[in-house]
Amino acid sequence: MHQHVQLNPGEVLHIGGEASVQFAGARALTFRLIRVDPRSTYDGWLWLEGYVLGPTGVATQRRRIFVLREGIRLAASGPA
């Protein structure tokens, strides 16, 4: 079992298939967190707001994503 990642604004996260099937494989994201939506949702799931980072670490798109908390990982060292 994985430890929970601290979800603080500014954290750079890897969002892959473990977080949601929509982000599996080549659709995985490197994501700089802005905020976690505090509203209640399905147990273990969260809405996150942030920026998708490109290969150079520059924000390419602002998104709101729905993910399984257990599947969120810290990005290794910046964008993938």
N, C-alpha and C. Protein backbone atom coordinates (compact mmCIF):
# COMPACT_ATOMS: atom_id res chain seq x y z
N MET A 1 0.84 -1.19 0.00
CA MET A 1 0.00 0.00 0.00
C MET A 1 0.88 1.24 0.00
N HIS A 2 0.51 2.22 -0.79
CA HIS A 2 1.28 3.45 -0.92
C HIS A 2 0.92 4.44 0.18
N GLN A 3 1.89 5.26 0.56
CA GLN A 3 1.59 6.34 1.49
C GLN A 3 0.91 7.46 0.73
N HIS A 4 0.06 8.19 1.45
CA HIS A 4 -0.61 9.33 0.84
C HIS A 4 0.40 10.45 0.58
N VAL A 5 0.30 11.07 -0.56
CA VAL A 5 1.10 12.24 -0.92
C VAL A 5 0.48 13.45 -0.23
N GLN A 6 1.32 14.33 0.31
CA GLN A 6 0.81 15.59 0.86
C GLN A 6 0.33 16.44 -0.31
N LEU A 7 -0.90 16.90 -0.24
CA LEU A 7 -1.47 17.66 -1.34
C LEU A 7 -1.50 19.14 -0.98
N ASN A 8 -0.34 19.78 -1.14
CA ASN A 8 -0.20 21.20 -0.86
C ASN A 8 -0.09 21.96 -2.16
N PRO A 9 -0.64 23.18 -2.22
CA PRO A 9 -0.48 23.99 -3.43
C PRO A 9 0.99 24.09 -3.83
N GLY A 10 1.24 23.94 -5.13
CA GLY A 10 2.59 24.01 -5.65
C GLY A 10 3.25 22.65 -5.82
N GLU A 11 2.71 21.60 -5.18
CA GLU A 11 3.28 20.26 -5.34
C GLU A 11 3.17 19.84 -6.81
N VAL A 12 4.20 19.15 -7.29
CA VAL A 12 4.17 18.60 -8.65
C VAL A 12 3.89 17.11 -8.52
N LEU A 13 2.80 16.69 -9.15
CA LEU A 13 2.29 15.34 -9.01
C LEU A 13 2.35 14.57 -10.33
N HIS A 14 2.49 13.25 -10.21
CA HIS A 14 2.34 12.37 -11.36
C HIS A 14 0.93 11.80 -11.27
N ILE A 15 0.15 12.02 -12.31
CA ILE A 15 -1.22 11.51 -12.37
C ILE A 15 -1.26 10.49 -13.49
N GLY A 16 -1.30 9.22 -13.11
CA GLY A 16 -1.29 8.14 -14.09
C GLY A 16 -2.49 7.24 -13.92
N GLY A 17 -2.40 6.06 -14.48
CA GLY A 17 -3.50 5.10 -14.47
C GLY A 17 -3.95 4.66 -13.10
N GLU A 18 -3.06 4.72 -12.10
CA GLU A 18 -3.48 4.35 -10.74
C GLU A 18 -4.43 5.38 -10.15
N ALA A 19 -4.35 6.61 -10.65
CA ALA A 19 -5.22 7.68 -10.17
C ALA A 19 -6.57 7.68 -10.89
N SER A 20 -6.57 7.27 -12.15
CA SER A 20 -7.79 7.18 -12.94
C SER A 20 -7.45 6.55 -14.29
N VAL A 21 -8.30 5.68 -14.78
CA VAL A 21 -8.03 5.02 -16.07
C VAL A 21 -7.88 6.03 -17.20
N GLN A 22 -8.48 7.19 -17.08
CA GLN A 22 -8.37 8.18 -18.16
C GLN A 22 -6.95 8.73 -18.30
N PHE A 23 -6.09 8.50 -17.29
CA PHE A 23 -4.71 8.99 -17.34
C PHE A 23 -3.69 7.86 -17.46
N ALA A 24 -4.12 6.71 -17.95
CA ALA A 24 -3.24 5.55 -18.10
C ALA A 24 -2.27 5.73 -19.27
N GLY A 25 -1.11 5.12 -19.16
CA GLY A 25 -0.14 5.08 -20.26
C GLY A 25 0.32 6.45 -20.71
N ALA A 26 0.26 6.67 -22.00
CA ALA A 26 0.74 7.93 -22.59
C ALA A 26 -0.12 9.13 -22.20
N ARG A 27 -1.28 8.88 -21.58
CA ARG A 27 -2.15 9.99 -21.18
C ARG A 27 -1.85 10.49 -19.76
N ALA A 28 -0.80 9.94 -19.14
CA ALA A 28 -0.41 10.39 -17.80
C ALA A 28 -0.04 11.87 -17.83
N LEU A 29 -0.25 12.55 -16.69
CA LEU A 29 0.02 13.98 -16.59
C LEU A 29 1.07 14.26 -15.53
N THR A 30 1.85 15.30 -15.76
CA THR A 30 2.63 15.94 -14.71
C THR A 30 1.81 17.17 -14.37
N PHE A 31 1.46 17.32 -13.11
CA PHE A 31 0.40 18.25 -12.70
C PHE A 31 0.86 19.08 -11.51
N ARG A 32 0.88 20.41 -11.65
CA ARG A 32 1.20 21.30 -10.53
C ARG A 32 -0.10 21.69 -9.86
N LEU A 33 -0.24 21.30 -8.60
CA LEU A 33 -1.48 21.49 -7.86
C LEU A 33 -1.70 22.95 -7.47
N ILE A 34 -2.92 23.43 -7.71
CA ILE A 34 -3.35 24.73 -7.21
C ILE A 34 -4.15 24.54 -5.93
N ARG A 35 -5.14 23.63 -6.00
CA ARG A 35 -5.96 23.39 -4.81
C ARG A 35 -6.70 22.07 -4.93
N VAL A 36 -7.09 21.58 -3.77
CA VAL A 36 -7.96 20.40 -3.66
C VAL A 36 -9.35 20.92 -3.35
N ASP A 37 -10.32 20.54 -4.13
CA ASP A 37 -11.70 20.95 -3.88
C ASP A 37 -12.17 20.30 -2.57
N PRO A 38 -12.64 21.09 -1.60
CA PRO A 38 -13.00 20.54 -0.29
C PRO A 38 -14.34 19.81 -0.25
N ARG A 39 -15.13 19.93 -1.30
CA ARG A 39 -16.45 19.29 -1.29
C ARG A 39 -16.34 17.77 -1.24
N SER A 40 -17.28 17.17 -0.55
CA SER A 40 -17.33 15.72 -0.40
C SER A 40 -17.69 15.07 -1.74
N THR A 41 -17.08 13.91 -1.98
CA THR A 41 -17.36 13.16 -3.20
C THR A 41 -17.32 11.67 -2.85
N TYR A 42 -17.16 10.81 -3.81
CA TYR A 42 -17.07 9.38 -3.53
C TYR A 42 -15.87 9.11 -2.63
N ASP A 43 -15.98 8.14 -1.76
CA ASP A 43 -14.93 7.81 -0.81
C ASP A 43 -13.61 7.53 -1.53
N GLY A 44 -12.57 8.28 -1.16
CA GLY A 44 -11.25 8.09 -1.74
C GLY A 44 -10.97 8.88 -3.00
N TRP A 45 -11.95 9.58 -3.52
CA TRP A 45 -11.80 10.35 -4.76
C TRP A 45 -11.77 11.84 -4.45
N LEU A 46 -11.03 12.58 -5.28
CA LEU A 46 -10.86 14.03 -5.09
C LEU A 46 -10.94 14.76 -6.42
N TRP A 47 -11.40 16.01 -6.34
CA TRP A 47 -11.27 16.93 -7.46
C TRP A 47 -10.04 17.78 -7.19
N LEU A 48 -9.12 17.83 -8.14
CA LEU A 48 -7.92 18.66 -8.04
C LEU A 48 -7.94 19.72 -9.12
N GLU A 49 -7.48 20.92 -8.77
CA GLU A 49 -7.31 21.98 -9.76
C GLU A 49 -5.83 22.27 -9.88
N GLY A 50 -5.37 22.46 -11.11
CA GLY A 50 -3.96 22.76 -11.30
C GLY A 50 -3.61 22.92 -12.76
N TYR A 51 -2.32 22.85 -13.01
CA TYR A 51 -1.78 23.04 -14.36
C TYR A 51 -1.09 21.78 -14.82
N VAL A 52 -1.37 21.38 -16.05
CA VAL A 52 -0.63 20.32 -16.71
C VAL A 52 0.69 20.94 -17.14
N LEU A 53 1.80 20.26 -16.81
CA LEU A 53 3.12 20.75 -17.17
C LEU A 53 3.66 19.99 -18.37
N GLY A 54 4.27 20.73 -19.28
CA GLY A 54 4.88 20.12 -20.46
C GLY A 54 6.27 19.59 -20.13
N PRO A 55 6.98 19.06 -21.12
CA PRO A 55 8.29 18.44 -20.90
C PRO A 55 9.33 19.37 -20.28
N THR A 56 9.19 20.67 -20.48
CA THR A 56 10.17 21.62 -19.93
C THR A 56 9.72 22.19 -18.58
N GLY A 57 8.57 21.74 -18.08
CA GLY A 57 8.07 22.23 -16.80
C GLY A 57 7.19 23.45 -16.89
N VAL A 58 6.90 23.89 -18.10
CA VAL A 58 6.04 25.05 -18.32
C VAL A 58 4.58 24.60 -18.35
N ALA A 59 3.72 25.37 -17.69
CA ALA A 59 2.29 25.05 -17.68
C ALA A 59 1.73 25.17 -19.10
N THR A 60 1.00 24.14 -19.52
CA THR A 60 0.43 24.14 -20.87
C THR A 60 -1.09 24.24 -20.85
N GLN A 61 -1.70 23.88 -19.73
CA GLN A 61 -3.16 23.87 -19.66
C GLN A 61 -3.61 23.85 -18.21
N ARG A 62 -4.62 24.66 -17.90
CA ARG A 62 -5.22 24.58 -16.57
C ARG A 62 -6.35 23.55 -16.64
N ARG A 63 -6.41 22.66 -15.62
CA ARG A 63 -7.43 21.60 -15.62
C ARG A 63 -7.97 21.36 -14.23
N ARG A 64 -9.14 20.79 -14.21
CA ARG A 64 -9.77 20.28 -12.99
C ARG A 64 -9.96 18.80 -13.26
N ILE A 65 -9.35 17.94 -12.40
CA ILE A 65 -9.38 16.50 -12.65
C ILE A 65 -9.94 15.76 -11.44
N PHE A 66 -10.56 14.62 -11.71
CA PHE A 66 -11.18 13.77 -10.69
C PHE A 66 -10.32 12.51 -10.58
N VAL A 67 -9.71 12.30 -9.41
CA VAL A 67 -8.74 11.21 -9.26
C VAL A 67 -8.91 10.46 -7.95
N LEU A 68 -8.41 9.25 -7.93
CA LEU A 68 -8.37 8.42 -6.74
C LEU A 68 -7.15 8.82 -5.91
N ARG A 69 -7.38 9.20 -4.68
CA ARG A 69 -6.29 9.70 -3.82
C ARG A 69 -5.14 8.71 -3.72
N GLU A 70 -5.44 7.44 -3.58
CA GLU A 70 -4.41 6.40 -3.46
C GLU A 70 -3.48 6.33 -4.66
N GLY A 71 -3.95 6.78 -5.83
CA GLY A 71 -3.15 6.67 -7.05
C GLY A 71 -2.26 7.86 -7.35
N ILE A 72 -2.35 8.92 -6.55
CA ILE A 72 -1.55 10.12 -6.79
C ILE A 72 -0.12 9.89 -6.31
N ARG A 73 0.86 10.27 -7.12
CA ARG A 73 2.28 10.15 -6.78
C ARG A 73 2.96 11.50 -6.95
N LEU A 74 4.03 11.73 -6.18
CA LEU A 74 4.87 12.89 -6.42
C LEU A 74 5.63 12.67 -7.72
N ALA A 75 5.77 13.71 -8.51
CA ALA A 75 6.57 13.60 -9.73
C ALA A 75 8.02 13.40 -9.30
N ALA A 76 8.74 12.56 -10.01
CA ALA A 76 10.12 12.21 -9.65
C ALA A 76 11.00 13.44 -9.49
N SER A 77 11.15 14.24 -10.50
CA SER A 77 11.94 15.47 -10.40
C SER A 77 11.50 16.38 -11.53
N GLY A 78 10.36 16.98 -11.33
CA GLY A 78 9.80 17.85 -12.36
C GLY A 78 9.01 17.03 -13.36
N PRO A 79 8.77 17.60 -14.53
CA PRO A 79 7.93 16.95 -15.53
C PRO A 79 8.52 15.65 -16.03
N ALA A 80 7.64 14.75 -16.41
CA ALA A 80 8.06 13.44 -16.94
C ALA A 80 8.48 13.56 -18.37
